[in-house]
Protein backbone atom coordinates (compact mmCIF):
# COMPACT_ATOMS: atom_id res chain seq x y z
CA UNK A 1 7.60 30.67 74.50
CA UNK A 2 6.45 28.26 71.68
CA UNK A 3 4.40 25.14 72.35
CA UNK A 4 7.24 22.84 72.31
CA UNK A 5 9.49 25.07 74.49
CA UNK A 6 6.63 25.24 77.45
CA UNK A 7 6.47 20.92 77.02
CA UNK A 8 10.41 21.11 77.57
CA UNK A 9 10.28 23.46 80.40
CA UNK A 10 7.67 21.12 82.18
CA UNK A 11 10.15 18.40 81.06
CA UNK A 12 12.53 20.39 83.58
CA UNK A 13 10.09 20.10 86.16
CA UNK A 14 9.05 16.42 86.17
CA UNK A 15 13.08 15.65 86.33
CA UNK A 16 12.79 17.29 89.38
CA UNK A 17 10.06 15.32 90.87
CA UNK A 18 11.84 11.86 89.10
CA UNK A 19 14.95 12.67 90.87
CA UNK A 20 12.86 12.97 94.23
CA UNK A 21 11.20 9.94 93.84
CA UNK A 22 14.97 8.17 93.54
CA UNK A 23 15.84 9.76 96.83
CA UNK A 24 12.31 8.30 98.45
CA UNK A 25 13.60 4.69 96.73
CA UNK A 26 16.74 4.95 98.12
CA UNK A 27 14.94 5.90 101.60
CA UNK A 28 12.50 2.99 101.33
CA UNK A 29 15.32 0.68 100.22
CA UNK A 30 17.55 1.29 103.05
CA UNK A 31 14.25 0.74 105.39
CA UNK A 32 13.78 4.03 106.43
CA UNK A 33 10.41 5.70 106.83
CA UNK A 34 9.06 7.97 104.02
CA UNK A 35 6.03 10.03 105.15
CA UNK A 36 2.71 8.75 103.14
CA UNK A 37 1.96 12.35 102.93
CA UNK A 38 4.57 12.38 100.64
CA UNK A 39 3.98 9.75 98.91
CA UNK A 40 -0.02 11.01 98.21
CA UNK A 41 1.74 14.23 97.22
CA UNK A 42 3.91 12.95 94.59
CA UNK A 43 1.11 10.88 93.27
CA UNK A 44 -1.05 14.01 92.76
CA UNK A 45 1.59 15.13 90.59
CA UNK A 46 1.88 12.69 88.55
CA UNK A 47 -1.58 12.56 87.93
CA UNK A 48 -2.20 16.16 87.60
CA UNK A 49 0.69 18.02 86.39
CA UNK A 50 2.16 14.85 84.26
CA UNK A 51 -0.80 13.06 83.10
CA UNK A 52 -3.27 15.41 83.08
CA UNK A 53 -1.57 18.78 82.23
CA UNK A 54 1.63 17.70 80.13
CA UNK A 55 -0.02 14.42 78.66
CA UNK A 56 -3.04 16.01 78.11
CA UNK A 57 -1.43 18.94 76.13
CA UNK A 58 -0.07 16.84 74.10
CA UNK A 59 -2.62 13.72 73.26
CA UNK A 60 -5.01 16.44 72.66
CA UNK A 61 -3.35 19.12 70.93
CA UNK A 62 0.19 18.62 70.14
CA UNK A 63 0.02 15.39 68.33
CA UNK A 64 -3.30 15.97 66.67
CA UNK A 65 -1.53 18.96 64.95
CA UNK A 66 1.33 17.23 64.40
CA UNK A 67 -0.72 14.22 62.20
CA UNK A 68 -2.79 16.87 60.47
CA UNK A 69 1.28 18.17 59.09
CA UNK A 70 1.56 14.72 57.94
CA UNK A 71 3.71 12.78 61.29
CA UNK A 72 1.89 9.20 61.28
CA UNK A 73 0.50 8.71 64.09
CA UNK A 74 0.82 4.44 63.81
CA UNK A 75 4.25 3.11 63.11
CA UNK A 76 5.81 6.56 63.91
CA UNK A 77 6.77 8.77 67.00
CA UNK A 78 3.54 9.89 67.94
CA UNK A 79 2.40 5.99 68.04
CA UNK A 80 5.19 5.68 70.15
CA UNK A 81 4.36 8.22 72.66
CA UNK A 82 1.23 7.27 73.35
CA UNK A 83 2.53 3.87 74.21
CA UNK A 84 4.87 4.85 76.49
CA UNK A 85 1.94 7.49 78.17
CA UNK A 86 -0.18 4.49 78.85
CA UNK A 87 2.97 2.61 80.70
CA UNK A 88 3.33 5.44 82.56
CA UNK A 89 -0.26 5.62 84.17
CA UNK A 90 0.16 1.79 84.48
CA UNK A 91 3.36 2.51 86.84
CA UNK A 92 1.65 5.03 88.53
CA UNK A 93 -1.64 2.86 89.47
CA UNK A 94 1.10 0.28 91.29
CA UNK A 95 2.72 3.00 92.61
CA UNK A 96 -0.92 3.88 93.91
CA UNK A 97 -1.77 0.47 95.23
CA UNK A 98 1.63 0.16 96.91
CA UNK A 99 1.89 3.55 98.60
CA UNK A 100 -1.60 2.39 99.95
CA UNK A 101 -0.44 -0.90 101.06
CA UNK A 102 2.51 1.10 102.56
CA UNK A 103 0.19 3.48 104.74
CA UNK A 104 -1.75 0.34 106.29
CA UNK A 105 1.66 -1.22 107.03
CA UNK A 106 1.94 -4.10 104.67
CA UNK A 107 5.34 -5.29 104.74
CA UNK A 108 5.24 -5.48 100.57
CA UNK A 109 4.23 -1.97 100.01
CA UNK A 110 7.56 -0.08 99.85
CA UNK A 111 9.23 -2.61 97.76
CA UNK A 112 5.95 -2.69 94.91
CA UNK A 113 6.52 0.96 95.51
CA UNK A 114 10.02 1.38 94.26
CA UNK A 115 9.48 -1.04 91.88
CA UNK A 116 7.07 0.88 89.99
CA UNK A 117 8.78 4.36 90.64
CA UNK A 118 12.18 2.82 89.37
CA UNK A 119 10.50 1.62 86.22
CA UNK A 120 7.98 4.87 85.65
CA UNK A 121 11.23 7.04 86.43
CA UNK A 122 13.61 5.34 83.76
CA UNK A 123 10.69 5.06 81.28
CA UNK A 124 10.05 8.86 81.94
CA UNK A 125 13.36 9.74 81.69
CA UNK A 126 13.76 8.06 78.41
CA UNK A 127 10.34 9.37 76.83
CA UNK A 128 11.95 12.78 77.74
CA UNK A 129 14.85 12.73 76.00
CA UNK A 130 12.64 11.33 72.82
CA UNK A 131 10.38 14.07 73.00
CA UNK A 132 13.20 16.82 73.73
CA UNK A 133 15.49 15.13 70.37
CA UNK A 134 13.16 13.95 68.11
CA UNK A 135 9.48 14.86 68.42
CA UNK A 136 9.66 18.41 69.33
CA UNK A 137 12.18 19.21 66.87
CA UNK A 138 9.58 17.48 64.27
CA UNK A 139 7.17 19.74 65.54
CA UNK A 140 9.12 23.11 65.53
CA UNK A 141 10.13 22.04 61.63
CA UNK A 142 6.79 21.71 60.41
CA UNK A 143 4.17 23.12 62.40
CA UNK A 144 3.18 27.11 60.93
CA UNK A 145 3.51 29.83 63.36
CA UNK A 146 -0.25 29.82 63.26
CA UNK A 147 -0.32 26.50 64.78
CA UNK A 148 2.07 26.84 66.81
CA UNK A 149 0.08 30.13 68.20
CA UNK A 150 -3.34 28.55 68.32
CA UNK A 151 -1.54 25.81 70.35
CA UNK A 152 -0.24 28.13 73.01
CA UNK A 153 -3.93 29.11 73.42
CA UNK A 154 -5.13 25.29 73.68
CA UNK A 155 -2.02 24.97 76.56
CA UNK A 156 -3.36 28.08 78.29
CA UNK A 157 -6.94 26.87 78.49
CA UNK A 158 -6.15 22.99 79.54
CA UNK A 159 -3.64 24.75 82.66
CA UNK A 160 -6.70 26.55 83.50
CA UNK A 161 -9.76 24.60 82.66
CA UNK A 162 -8.30 21.32 83.43
CA UNK A 163 -5.41 21.40 85.75
CA UNK A 164 -6.57 24.78 87.96
CA UNK A 165 -5.47 28.54 88.74
CA UNK A 166 -2.45 28.19 90.61
CA UNK A 167 -2.11 24.70 90.45
CA UNK A 168 1.46 25.14 88.60
CA UNK A 169 2.71 26.70 91.42
CA UNK A 170 2.03 24.52 93.99
CA UNK A 171 3.39 21.89 92.42
CA UNK A 172 6.59 23.82 92.01
CA UNK A 173 6.34 25.13 95.76
CA UNK A 174 6.24 21.56 96.62
CA UNK A 175 9.12 19.92 94.23
CA UNK A 176 11.20 22.71 96.33
CA UNK A 177 10.22 21.71 99.20
CA UNK A 178 10.82 17.95 98.48
CA UNK A 179 14.07 18.29 96.76
CA UNK A 180 15.27 20.03 100.36
CA UNK A 181 13.86 17.61 102.17
CA UNK A 182 15.88 15.29 100.39
CA UNK A 183 18.42 16.17 98.47
CA UNK A 184 17.57 15.84 95.20
C-alpha cells in the first residue's frame, strides 16, 4: 500500500466518524440526551486518530516530501491544507469546551457542540475531497519509489511511537460500536 493509499484509507475511517457526529448532532438538536462518554470518546478519536496520527503523517512527512519535490508550501495546496488543519483544531477545541459545558448541564452546551461539530464536519469533508482528488495524485506523480518507501516507514513510526500499539484497532472498534448505536 502506498502512503497516499494509507491516508485515503484513514479518510474512510474519518468519514465514518463524521457520519456518527452528524447523527449525534441530530439527536442533540431534537433535545434527546447523548452520553457524555460518547462525546469524550469522539473527541479522543479526533485528537489522536485524525490530528496526531493522520495530520501528523501529512505535516511531518508527506508535506515536507512534497516541498522537496518542488510543490510550493505558500500559495499552493500544502499551505491550504495546513490552514485547514488549524481550522479543524479550533473546531475540536470548541467541541471540547461545549462537551464539558454539556456534561455540566449548561444550557448552551448542546447547541455549541452542534455548531462546532457541523462546522468541523463540513470542513473535513471538503478537506478530504481536496486531498484525495488534488494533493494525493500530485504526490503519487512526483514522489519517487524511494521517497514513498521512506514515507511508508515514517508512517509506521507515527503509528507505533505517537499513537500507540493497538490504538488504531481500538478506534475502529469504537467506530463500529458507535455506528451501530447511532445508525450511522
